[in-house]
Amino acid sequence: MLYCDTDSAFVTPSGLSADVGAAFFGLNPHEEETSFLKDEALDKAPKEEYPKGSPDHSPRFYGLSAKRYCLFVRDRFGRPHVFRRAAFDHGLGSYQVGTGREEWVVHLWERIIEKGEAASEDYHGVPATTEFFLSTPNLLPRIRRLGDIRPFTFLTARLVEPGGPDEMRSELVAYVDPKDSTAQAELMAMPRQRSWGSVVEEFVRHSDWKYNFDSAGPAIRRNVLVRKENLVRLGKEANRIEAARVLGQSAVGGRAKRYVDSDPFKGSATEVARRLGVSRRTVYSRRKAARS
């Protein structure tokens, strides 16, 4: 099996790694001869971190999708031991945790390996929050209801369960220490408060939509059908769309700019008529008027 991330690959059985690396040798962009793929097992899963009595001699791989994976071994009781440098929290980085982040991520992966999606049950009483920093005047509209607040103040953005497509996904409140269990319980009691359980469940269910898998196991690249009439041309501000759902339009500097064709009558008369919702006769007359 060969599993690839953006800049790495996992091969099983591990003994094939040298042959796989050699197959990609021709892609080396450097003048000097060097291995294009390097074995990083000892770096990501150092031998000194193996639990005493572990029956494993090389790390195991557990992956949910690209960028969401970990390396681990079993201890002498069969429990998973996840390596600190090989536990990735892609998609969870913005959420606050009540302990050291590295330790927290490791424990999360160990629970996922043991319980799968049921690991989310261990987090249902913990509110999902992110830290909000009042660092620019553009963010002031988000805090008006909270009254006068000094610049560069830290607040807590509590994540709420999804409602309608245009509803805000978070609400700002006074700063809540993620290590304060009493304050966390009060936050969890607020309406629509999203829990870490909901976040973990979504994290585990996430799948790589770039591929399908047939009954024999091989990955099959998905084909995407895009119709020309459905294309929307966005500027580089496209990342505002997702951020605006959390922080609000004013906080991200407005909506993403949309671009339209300079010639709205470009294309066949039938295609233009269907796109604009007019008759073909109207298209012909408008084109004639534009040329005169």
Protein backbone atom coordinates (compact mmCIF):
# COMPACT_ATOMS: atom_id res chain seq x y z
CA MET A 1 0.00 0.00 0.00
CA LEU A 2 1.24 3.48 -0.83
CA TYR A 3 -0.44 6.43 0.91
CA CYS A 4 0.59 9.93 -0.13
CA ASP A 5 0.33 13.30 1.58
CA THR A 6 1.31 16.57 -0.11
CA ASP A 7 5.02 16.04 0.42
CA SER A 8 5.35 12.55 1.88
CA ALA A 9 4.42 8.91 1.33
CA PHE A 10 3.76 5.93 3.60
CA VAL A 11 4.65 2.49 2.29
CA THR A 12 3.66 -0.89 3.64
CA PRO A 13 5.40 -3.23 3.95
CA SER A 14 8.13 -0.79 4.99
CA GLY A 15 10.81 -2.92 3.35
CA LEU A 16 9.63 -1.59 -0.03
CA SER A 17 10.46 2.03 0.85
CA ALA A 18 13.92 1.90 -0.78
CA ASP A 19 12.46 0.56 -4.05
CA VAL A 20 9.72 3.22 -4.05
CA GLY A 21 12.31 5.94 -3.43
CA ALA A 22 14.44 4.67 -6.31
CA ALA A 23 11.44 4.77 -8.66
CA PHE A 24 11.13 8.51 -8.03
CA PHE A 25 14.85 9.23 -8.33
CA GLY A 26 14.39 10.80 -11.77
CA LEU A 27 12.24 13.56 -10.27
CA ASN A 28 15.12 14.94 -8.21
CA PRO A 29 15.40 18.65 -9.23
CA HIS A 30 18.88 19.14 -7.70
CA GLU A 31 22.21 18.89 -9.51
CA GLU A 32 23.80 16.59 -6.95
CA GLU A 33 22.55 13.04 -6.67
CA THR A 34 20.36 12.58 -3.65
CA SER A 35 17.36 10.48 -2.69
CA PHE A 36 14.14 12.21 -3.69
CA LEU A 37 12.21 10.40 -0.94
CA LYS A 38 13.98 10.01 2.40
CA ASP A 39 13.05 7.56 5.15
CA GLU A 40 11.98 9.67 8.13
CA ALA A 41 10.72 6.83 10.33
CA LEU A 42 13.55 7.26 12.84
CA ASP A 43 12.98 11.02 12.97
CA LYS A 44 9.18 10.89 13.36
CA ALA A 45 9.11 7.70 15.43
CA PRO A 46 12.41 7.54 17.36
CA LYS A 47 13.31 4.23 18.98
CA GLU A 48 13.78 5.86 22.40
CA GLU A 49 10.10 6.79 22.41
CA TYR A 50 8.92 3.18 21.99
CA PRO A 51 7.14 2.00 25.16
CA LYS A 52 9.00 -0.67 27.13
CA GLY A 53 8.03 -4.15 26.02
CA SER A 54 6.46 -3.05 22.73
CA PRO A 55 6.19 -5.97 20.29
CA ASP A 56 6.56 -3.61 17.29
CA HIS A 57 9.88 -3.05 15.53
CA SER A 58 8.63 -0.33 13.16
CA PRO A 59 5.84 2.27 13.40
CA ARG A 60 2.28 1.62 12.31
CA PHE A 61 0.26 4.11 10.27
CA TYR A 62 -3.29 5.29 10.99
CA GLY A 63 -4.84 7.75 8.55
CA LEU A 64 -8.23 9.37 8.04
CA SER A 65 -7.39 11.45 4.96
CA ALA A 66 -4.53 13.50 3.55
CA LYS A 67 -2.90 15.53 6.38
CA ARG A 68 -4.92 13.72 9.07
CA TYR A 69 -2.81 10.81 10.23
CA CYS A 70 -0.40 9.57 12.90
CA LEU A 71 2.31 7.00 13.46
CA PHE A 72 2.07 4.67 16.45
CA VAL A 73 3.10 1.37 17.99
CA ARG A 74 1.40 -0.97 20.43
CA ASP A 75 2.63 -1.30 24.00
CA ARG A 76 2.94 -4.70 25.70
CA PHE A 77 -0.76 -4.56 26.65
CA GLY A 78 -1.86 -3.85 23.08
CA ARG A 79 -2.68 -0.18 23.69
CA PRO A 80 -1.69 2.40 21.04
CA HIS A 81 1.24 4.71 21.73
CA VAL A 82 1.23 7.65 19.30
CA PHE A 83 4.52 9.40 18.55
CA ARG A 84 4.65 13.09 19.46
CA ARG A 85 6.27 14.23 16.22
CA ALA A 86 3.93 12.17 14.04
CA ALA A 87 0.50 13.20 15.35
CA PHE A 88 -1.10 15.75 13.04
CA ASP A 89 -4.13 17.90 13.91
CA HIS A 90 -4.93 19.35 10.49
CA GLY A 91 -8.35 21.01 10.76
CA LEU A 92 -8.15 21.40 14.56
CA GLY A 93 -5.37 23.96 14.91
CA SER A 94 -7.62 26.97 15.56
CA TYR A 95 -9.50 25.33 18.46
CA GLN A 96 -8.42 25.92 22.05
CA VAL A 97 -7.46 23.04 24.33
CA GLY A 98 -7.12 22.99 28.10
CA THR A 99 -3.70 21.27 28.27
CA GLY A 100 -0.46 21.27 26.31
CA ARG A 101 -1.42 20.98 22.66
CA GLU A 102 1.08 18.28 21.70
CA GLU A 103 -0.01 16.04 24.56
CA TRP A 104 -3.68 16.70 23.83
CA VAL A 105 -3.36 15.78 20.13
CA VAL A 106 -1.48 12.57 21.00
CA HIS A 107 -4.22 11.49 23.42
CA LEU A 108 -6.90 12.32 20.86
CA TRP A 109 -5.28 10.05 18.27
CA GLU A 110 -4.87 7.24 20.79
CA ARG A 111 -8.59 7.42 21.56
CA ILE A 112 -9.48 7.50 17.86
CA ILE A 113 -7.34 4.39 17.20
CA GLU A 114 -9.03 2.56 20.07
CA LYS A 115 -12.62 3.76 19.60
CA GLY A 116 -12.96 5.21 16.10
CA GLU A 117 -15.86 7.66 15.79
CA ALA A 118 -16.97 6.75 19.34
CA ALA A 119 -13.94 8.71 20.61
CA SER A 120 -16.11 11.82 20.26
CA GLU A 121 -18.13 10.68 23.30
CA ASP A 122 -15.15 11.52 25.54
CA TYR A 123 -15.38 15.19 24.53
CA HIS A 124 -19.10 15.98 24.57
CA GLY A 125 -18.93 18.10 27.74
CA VAL A 126 -16.09 20.31 26.51
CA PRO A 127 -17.04 23.54 24.67
CA ALA A 128 -15.39 24.26 21.32
CA THR A 129 -13.80 27.72 21.33
CA THR A 130 -11.19 29.77 19.53
CA GLU A 131 -9.21 32.77 20.69
CA PHE A 132 -10.22 36.17 19.28
CA PHE A 133 -7.69 39.03 19.31
CA LEU A 134 -8.96 42.59 18.81
CA SER A 135 -5.99 43.60 16.69
CA THR A 136 -7.52 45.89 14.03
CA PRO A 137 -10.36 48.45 13.77
CA ASN A 138 -12.00 46.23 11.15
CA LEU A 139 -13.02 43.90 13.98
CA LEU A 140 -14.87 46.55 16.02
CA PRO A 141 -18.33 45.78 14.51
CA ARG A 142 -18.10 42.28 15.99
CA ILE A 143 -17.77 43.56 19.56
CA ARG A 144 -20.28 46.42 19.66
CA ARG A 145 -22.79 44.52 21.71
CA LEU A 146 -20.10 43.83 24.31
CA GLY A 147 -19.62 47.53 25.04
CA ASP A 148 -16.34 49.45 25.19
CA ILE A 149 -13.31 47.21 24.94
CA ARG A 150 -9.68 48.25 24.81
CA PRO A 151 -7.73 47.52 21.61
CA PHE A 152 -5.59 44.37 21.57
CA THR A 153 -7.90 42.60 24.01
CA PHE A 154 -8.27 38.82 23.93
CA LEU A 155 -11.83 37.47 23.74
CA THR A 156 -13.29 34.00 23.31
CA ALA A 157 -15.21 33.05 20.18
CA ARG A 158 -17.56 30.25 21.19
CA LEU A 159 -18.43 27.97 18.29
CA VAL A 160 -22.14 27.33 17.79
CA GLU A 161 -23.89 24.47 16.07
CA PRO A 162 -24.66 25.23 12.41
CA GLY A 163 -27.97 26.88 11.63
CA GLY A 164 -28.86 28.41 8.27
CA PRO A 165 -26.22 28.88 5.55
CA ASP A 166 -25.87 32.58 6.31
CA GLU A 167 -25.89 32.34 10.11
CA MET A 168 -22.77 33.16 12.08
CA ARG A 169 -20.84 30.12 13.27
CA SER A 170 -19.47 31.80 16.37
CA GLU A 171 -20.36 34.33 19.05
CA LEU A 172 -17.93 36.53 20.95
CA VAL A 173 -17.94 36.49 24.74
CA ALA A 174 -15.57 37.73 27.42
CA TYR A 175 -12.35 35.72 27.57
CA VAL A 176 -12.82 32.24 29.04
CA ASP A 177 -9.72 30.37 30.20
CA PRO A 178 -9.79 26.90 28.56
CA LYS A 179 -8.24 25.52 31.78
CA ASP A 180 -11.05 26.89 34.00
CA SER A 181 -13.43 23.93 34.35
CA THR A 182 -16.18 26.00 36.04
CA ALA A 183 -16.17 28.65 33.31
CA GLN A 184 -16.06 25.93 30.64
CA ALA A 185 -19.16 24.27 32.13
CA GLU A 186 -21.04 27.60 32.10
CA LEU A 187 -20.04 28.12 28.50
CA MET A 188 -21.23 24.63 27.55
CA ALA A 189 -24.65 25.44 29.03
CA MET A 190 -25.18 28.37 26.62
CA PRO A 191 -27.65 27.93 23.71
CA ARG A 192 -26.34 26.13 20.63
CA GLN A 193 -22.85 25.79 22.11
CA ARG A 194 -20.85 23.36 20.02
CA SER A 195 -18.88 20.73 21.91
CA TRP A 196 -15.50 19.24 21.20
CA GLY A 197 -17.39 15.99 20.71
CA SER A 198 -19.06 17.46 17.64
CA VAL A 199 -15.68 18.67 16.35
CA VAL A 200 -14.00 15.28 16.88
CA GLU A 201 -16.90 13.45 15.22
CA GLU A 202 -16.56 15.68 12.16
CA PHE A 203 -12.77 15.24 12.22
CA VAL A 204 -13.07 11.43 12.18
CA ARG A 205 -15.79 11.35 9.53
CA HIS A 206 -13.80 13.56 7.16
CA SER A 207 -12.93 11.67 3.99
CA ASP A 208 -10.67 12.43 1.05
CA TRP A 209 -13.07 13.34 -1.73
CA LYS A 210 -10.34 13.23 -4.39
CA TYR A 211 -10.60 9.44 -4.65
CA ASN A 212 -13.00 6.52 -4.61
CA PHE A 213 -11.93 2.99 -3.70
CA ASP A 214 -13.10 -0.08 -5.58
CA SER A 215 -13.92 -3.42 -3.94
CA ALA A 216 -10.32 -4.66 -4.38
CA GLY A 217 -8.84 -1.65 -2.59
CA PRO A 218 -7.08 0.47 -5.28
CA ALA A 219 -7.82 4.21 -5.24
CA ILE A 220 -9.60 5.62 -8.29
CA ARG A 221 -9.25 9.31 -9.06
CA ARG A 222 -12.59 11.11 -9.03
CA ASN A 223 -13.65 13.05 -12.12
CA VAL A 224 -15.32 16.40 -11.53
CA LEU A 225 -17.90 17.78 -13.96
CA VAL A 226 -17.86 21.58 -14.12
CA ARG A 227 -20.36 23.35 -16.33
CA LYS A 228 -19.20 26.61 -17.85
CA GLU A 229 -22.41 28.42 -16.96
CA ASN A 230 -21.86 27.61 -13.28
CA LEU A 231 -18.38 29.14 -13.07
CA VAL A 232 -18.01 32.14 -10.73
CA ARG A 233 -14.81 34.14 -11.10
CA LEU A 234 -13.52 35.27 -7.71
CA GLY A 235 -10.55 37.45 -6.87
CA LYS A 236 -7.77 36.54 -4.46
CA GLU A 237 -10.15 37.58 -1.64
CA ALA A 238 -11.89 34.18 -1.97
CA ASN A 239 -10.54 33.14 1.43
CA ARG A 240 -12.83 35.78 2.92
CA ILE A 241 -15.89 33.66 2.20
CA GLU A 242 -15.15 31.07 4.90
CA ALA A 243 -13.63 33.58 7.32
CA ALA A 244 -16.67 35.86 7.01
CA ARG A 245 -18.97 33.08 8.22
CA VAL A 246 -17.03 33.01 11.48
CA LEU A 247 -15.89 36.59 11.96
CA GLY A 248 -18.45 38.56 9.94
CA GLN A 249 -18.19 40.51 6.66
CA SER A 250 -16.82 43.70 8.20
CA ALA A 251 -14.09 41.81 10.07
CA VAL A 252 -12.60 40.38 6.87
CA GLY A 253 -12.86 43.55 4.80
CA GLY A 254 -16.03 42.89 2.83
CA ARG A 255 -17.15 40.30 0.34
CA ALA A 256 -14.91 38.59 -2.19
CA LYS A 257 -14.90 40.43 -5.49
CA ARG A 258 -16.68 38.71 -8.34
CA TYR A 259 -15.60 39.15 -11.92
CA VAL A 260 -17.86 38.88 -14.97
CA ASP A 261 -17.09 38.64 -18.66
CA SER A 262 -16.58 42.03 -20.31
CA ASP A 263 -18.87 40.82 -23.08
CA PRO A 264 -22.12 39.41 -21.61
CA PHE A 265 -23.18 38.27 -25.11
CA LYS A 266 -20.12 36.12 -25.70
CA GLY A 267 -20.96 32.65 -26.98
CA SER A 268 -23.65 31.17 -29.21
CA ALA A 269 -27.04 32.91 -29.34
CA THR A 270 -28.70 29.84 -27.83
CA GLU A 271 -26.22 29.67 -24.95
CA VAL A 272 -26.42 33.42 -24.22
CA ALA A 273 -30.22 33.40 -24.35
CA ARG A 274 -30.37 30.53 -21.86
CA ARG A 275 -27.83 32.19 -19.54
CA LEU A 276 -29.53 35.60 -19.56
CA GLY A 277 -33.09 34.29 -19.63
CA VAL A 278 -34.04 36.12 -22.83
CA SER A 279 -35.06 35.09 -26.35
CA ARG A 280 -32.57 34.54 -29.15
CA ARG A 281 -34.17 37.47 -31.03
CA THR A 282 -33.28 39.71 -28.09
CA VAL A 283 -29.69 38.49 -28.18
CA TYR A 284 -29.40 39.26 -31.90
CA SER A 285 -30.86 42.75 -31.48
CA ARG A 286 -28.58 43.56 -28.51
CA ARG A 287 -25.51 42.43 -30.42
CA LYS A 288 -26.53 44.55 -33.40
CA ALA A 289 -27.06 47.57 -31.16
CA ALA A 290 -23.65 47.07 -29.49
CA ARG A 291 -21.88 47.03 -32.88
CA SER A 292 -23.63 50.16 -34.20
